[in-house]
C-alpha atoms as a PDB file:
ATOM      1  CA  MET A   1       0.000   0.000   0.000  1.00  0.00           C
ATOM      2  CA  ILE A   2       1.106   3.546  -0.708  1.00  0.00           C
ATOM      3  CA  ASP A   3       0.134   6.520   1.444  1.00  0.00           C
ATOM      4  CA  ILE A   4      -0.743   9.650  -0.488  1.00  0.00           C
ATOM      5  CA  VAL A   5      -1.047  12.865   1.485  1.00  0.00           C
ATOM      6  CA  ILE A   6      -3.877  14.925   0.036  1.00  0.00           C
ATOM      7  CA  GLY A   7      -4.115  17.657   2.636  1.00  0.00           C
ATOM      8  CA  PRO A   8      -2.816  18.485   6.115  1.00  0.00           C
ATOM      9  CA  LYS A   9      -4.627  15.584   7.806  1.00  0.00           C
ATOM     10  CA  GLN A  10      -6.012  13.652   4.851  1.00  0.00           C
ATOM     11  CA  GLU A  11      -4.375  10.431   3.739  1.00  0.00           C
ATOM     12  CA  LYS A  12      -5.512   8.014   1.099  1.00  0.00           C
ATOM     13  CA  LYS A  13      -4.306   4.410   0.971  1.00  0.00           C
ATOM     14  CA  ILE A  14      -3.804   3.123  -2.568  1.00  0.00           C
ATOM     15  CA  ALA A  15      -2.483  -0.213  -3.743  1.00  0.00           C
ATOM     16  CA  LYS A  16       0.945  -0.282  -5.369  1.00  0.00           C
ATOM     17  CA  PRO A  17       0.786   0.912  -9.006  1.00  0.00           C
ATOM     18  CA  PRO A  18       1.012  -1.776 -11.700  1.00  0.00           C
ATOM     19  CA  ASP A  19       4.413  -2.641 -13.138  1.00  0.00           C
ATOM     20  CA  CYS A  20       4.629  -0.855 -16.489  1.00  0.00           C
ATOM     21  CA  LEU A  21       7.414  -3.172 -17.605  1.00  0.00           C
ATOM     22  CA  LYS A  22       4.758  -5.910 -17.808  1.00  0.00           C
ATOM     23  CA  CYS A  23       2.236  -3.764 -19.720  1.00  0.00           C
ATOM     24  CA  VAL A  24       1.559  -4.015 -23.462  1.00  0.00           C
ATOM     25  CA  HIS A  25       1.361  -0.196 -23.713  1.00  0.00           C
ATOM     26  CA  PHE A  26       4.808   0.474 -22.203  1.00  0.00           C
ATOM     27  CA  SER A  27       7.792   1.230 -24.421  1.00  0.00           C
ATOM     28  CA  VAL A  28      11.297   2.574 -24.109  1.00  0.00           C
ATOM     29  CA  SER A  29      11.672   6.037 -25.598  1.00  0.00           C
ATOM     30  CA  TRP A  30      14.569   7.303 -27.714  1.00  0.00           C
ATOM     31  CA  ASP A  31      14.711  10.372 -25.452  1.00  0.00           C
ATOM     32  CA  ALA A  32      17.513  10.054 -22.868  1.00  0.00           C
ATOM     33  CA  VAL A  33      15.851  12.608 -20.564  1.00  0.00           C
ATOM     34  CA  PHE A  34      12.454  10.847 -20.655  1.00  0.00           C
ATOM     35  CA  PRO A  35      13.285   7.197 -21.380  1.00  0.00           C
ATOM     36  CA  ARG A  36       9.912   5.595 -20.573  1.00  0.00           C
ATOM     37  CA  SER A  37       6.663   6.078 -22.459  1.00  0.00           C
ATOM     38  CA  CYS A  38       3.028   5.018 -22.472  1.00  0.00           C
ATOM     39  CA  ALA A  39       1.187   4.530 -25.762  1.00  0.00           C
ATOM     40  CA  VAL A  40      -2.269   4.967 -24.196  1.00  0.00           C
ATOM     41  CA  PHE A  41      -1.634   8.300 -22.485  1.00  0.00           C
ATOM     42  CA  GLU A  42       0.929   9.410 -25.088  1.00  0.00           C
ATOM     43  CA  PHE A  43       3.575  10.808 -22.766  1.00  0.00           C
ATOM     44  CA  LYS A  44       7.217  10.189 -21.888  1.00  0.00           C
ATOM     45  CA  THR A  45       8.604  10.296 -18.360  1.00  0.00           C
ATOM     46  CA  LYS A  46      11.623   9.623 -16.152  1.00  0.00           C
ATOM     47  CA  GLN A  47       9.508   7.512 -13.778  1.00  0.00           C
ATOM     48  CA  LEU A  48       7.359   4.557 -14.730  1.00  0.00           C
ATOM     49  CA  PRO A  49       4.207   5.911 -16.402  1.00  0.00           C
ATOM     50  CA  SER A  50       1.967   4.207 -13.816  1.00  0.00           C
ATOM     51  CA  VAL A  51       3.654   6.251 -11.064  1.00  0.00           C
ATOM     52  CA  GLU A  52       2.945   9.466 -12.974  1.00  0.00           C
ATOM     53  CA  VAL A  53      -0.691   8.443 -13.512  1.00  0.00           C
ATOM     54  CA  LEU A  54      -1.035   7.723  -9.784  1.00  0.00           C
ATOM     55  CA  ARG A  55       0.554  11.059  -8.899  1.00  0.00           C
ATOM     56  CA  ALA A  56      -1.688  13.010 -11.317  1.00  0.00           C
ATOM     57  CA  THR A  57      -5.025  11.277 -10.707  1.00  0.00           C
ATOM     58  CA  GLY A  58      -4.745   9.673  -7.279  1.00  0.00           C
ATOM     59  CA  THR A  59      -5.760   6.297  -8.724  1.00  0.00           C
ATOM     60  CA  ASN A  60      -3.906   3.438 -10.347  1.00  0.00           C
ATOM     61  CA  CYS A  61      -3.584   3.244 -14.118  1.00  0.00           C
ATOM     62  CA  PRO A  62      -6.896   2.106 -15.658  1.00  0.00           C
ATOM     63  CA  SER A  63      -5.250   1.006 -18.928  1.00  0.00           C
ATOM     64  CA  PHE A  64      -2.801  -1.608 -17.631  1.00  0.00           C
ATOM     65  CA  GLN A  65      -2.863  -4.789 -19.733  1.00  0.00           C
ATOM     66  CA  LEU A  66      -0.527  -7.653 -18.932  1.00  0.00           C
ATOM     67  CA  LYS A  67       1.721  -8.785 -21.795  1.00  0.00           C
ATOM     68  CA  LYS A  68       1.069 -12.288 -23.091  1.00  0.00           C
ATOM     69  CA  GLY A  69       3.032 -14.989 -21.292  1.00  0.00           C
ATOM     70  CA  LEU A  70       3.630 -12.960 -18.113  1.00  0.00           C
ATOM     71  CA  LYS A  71       2.156 -13.336 -14.642  1.00  0.00           C
ATOM     72  CA  ALA A  72       0.851 -10.386 -12.642  1.00  0.00           C
END
């Protein structure tokens, strides 16, 4: 579980974000500054895209799809 502080006394418990490395939408970018990208949300980032989605929305990535042959 991850604690997210929303306000001075407000905390929200959220499950760990999904592992983007196991997602069909994840790819490695050519950009050395932003090496990770998400095809669904069309952005590049230093962090895993699921961490950025969690930070921006307060919820886990709704588009995660496990690659074939992998276990969650």
